[in-house]
Amino acid sequence: MFYSKGMLAAVGGRISRNEVTMDTGIVRKMDDLGRIVIPAETRRLFNIREGDELTISVVGDNISMRKLDATCTFCGSTEKVSGFHNKGICSICTFELQN
């Protein structure tokens, strides 16, 4: 797909024995498949919906999750981006390529 790193979704604290402590003070247990539920208020805050893609990275001793946003291949804009052959292209670049 045509994604790049976007808005910060959640930053975890340390991981210890199936438990994740988040900066918000909310604690969630990891299940036996390694899944953690992101609280509804956090999902609403960052506009994360079912099916959205998140990237997970390690920053020092923290785990960082970022929502992936559509990005224009040509200019890097995240405004009015649509897909074309699995690449992102914004409306301004589409107009410029047509003229």
Protein backbone atom coordinates (compact mmCIF):
# COMPACT_ATOMS: atom_id res chain seq x y z
CA MET A 1 0.00 0.00 0.00
CA PHE A 2 0.98 3.65 -0.08
CA TYR A 3 1.70 4.34 3.55
CA SER A 4 4.37 6.04 5.60
CA LYS A 5 4.69 6.77 9.28
CA GLY A 6 2.04 9.11 10.61
CA MET A 7 0.53 10.17 13.87
CA LEU A 8 1.64 8.77 17.20
CA ALA A 9 -0.81 6.13 18.42
CA ALA A 10 0.56 5.09 21.80
CA VAL A 11 3.85 4.88 23.62
CA GLY A 12 4.35 1.96 25.97
CA GLY A 13 6.48 1.81 29.03
CA ARG A 14 8.40 -1.22 30.16
CA ILE A 15 7.14 -4.74 29.57
CA SER A 16 7.22 -7.15 32.47
CA ARG A 17 5.54 -10.54 32.84
CA ASN A 18 2.61 -10.12 30.44
CA GLU A 19 1.89 -6.58 31.57
CA VAL A 20 2.32 -3.28 29.73
CA THR A 21 2.43 -0.02 31.65
CA MET A 22 1.49 2.99 29.51
CA ASP A 23 2.24 6.66 30.17
CA THR A 24 -1.52 7.21 30.64
CA GLY A 25 -1.45 4.99 33.71
CA ILE A 26 -3.75 2.44 32.02
CA VAL A 27 -2.56 -1.15 32.48
CA ARG A 28 -3.44 -3.96 30.05
CA LYS A 29 -2.42 -7.62 30.19
CA MET A 30 -1.00 -9.34 27.13
CA ASP A 31 -2.90 -12.47 26.11
CA ASP A 32 -1.32 -15.81 25.22
CA LEU A 33 -1.04 -14.72 21.54
CA GLY A 34 0.85 -11.53 22.44
CA ARG A 35 -2.11 -9.18 21.87
CA ILE A 36 -2.80 -6.02 23.87
CA VAL A 37 -6.05 -4.06 23.65
CA ILE A 38 -5.61 -0.34 22.97
CA PRO A 39 -8.16 1.44 25.20
CA ALA A 40 -11.21 2.92 23.43
CA GLU A 41 -10.41 6.47 24.60
CA THR A 42 -6.89 6.20 23.10
CA ARG A 43 -8.28 4.85 19.81
CA ARG A 44 -10.78 7.73 19.66
CA LEU A 45 -8.09 10.30 20.50
CA PHE A 46 -5.89 9.12 17.60
CA ASN A 47 -8.74 8.19 15.23
CA ILE A 48 -7.71 4.52 15.11
CA ARG A 49 -10.38 2.24 13.67
CA GLU A 50 -10.66 -1.49 13.06
CA GLY A 51 -8.50 -2.42 10.07
CA ASP A 52 -6.13 0.57 10.41
CA GLU A 53 -2.46 -0.32 10.09
CA LEU A 54 -0.01 0.48 12.89
CA THR A 55 3.76 0.19 12.86
CA ILE A 56 5.55 -0.99 15.99
CA SER A 57 9.11 0.04 16.76
CA VAL A 58 11.49 -0.01 19.71
CA VAL A 59 12.79 3.36 20.93
CA GLY A 60 15.35 2.87 23.67
CA ASP A 61 13.59 0.74 26.26
CA ASN A 62 10.10 1.74 25.04
CA ILE A 63 7.73 0.30 22.46
CA SER A 64 6.23 2.87 20.07
CA MET A 65 3.12 2.38 17.93
CA ARG A 66 2.32 4.76 15.08
CA LYS A 67 -0.73 4.89 12.86
CA LEU A 68 0.13 4.71 9.18
CA ASP A 69 -1.29 7.48 7.00
CA ALA A 70 -1.62 7.65 3.22
CA THR A 71 1.22 9.77 1.77
CA CYS A 72 1.82 11.21 -1.72
CA THR A 73 4.75 9.47 -3.43
CA PHE A 74 5.81 12.71 -5.17
CA CYS A 75 5.53 15.48 -2.56
CA GLY A 76 4.99 13.67 0.76
CA SER A 77 1.63 15.35 1.46
CA THR A 78 -0.98 13.54 3.53
CA GLU A 79 -3.85 15.74 2.29
CA LYS A 80 -6.38 14.35 -0.24
CA VAL A 81 -4.27 11.29 -1.13
CA SER A 82 -5.72 8.55 -3.32
CA GLY A 83 -4.24 5.31 -4.59
CA PHE A 84 -2.86 4.67 -8.06
CA HIS A 85 -1.10 1.33 -8.79
CA ASN A 86 -0.44 0.79 -5.05
CA LYS A 87 1.15 4.25 -4.73
CA GLY A 88 -0.25 7.38 -3.10
CA ILE A 89 -0.81 10.55 -5.09
CA CYS A 90 -2.36 13.79 -3.83
CA SER A 91 -4.85 15.88 -5.79
CA ILE A 92 -2.27 18.64 -6.51
CA CYS A 93 0.27 16.20 -8.00
CA THR A 94 -2.52 14.48 -9.95
CA PHE A 95 -3.49 17.85 -11.45
CA GLU A 96 0.15 18.72 -12.27
CA LEU A 97 0.73 15.36 -13.97
CA GLN A 98 -2.39 15.79 -16.10
CA ASN A 99 -1.27 19.20 -17.38
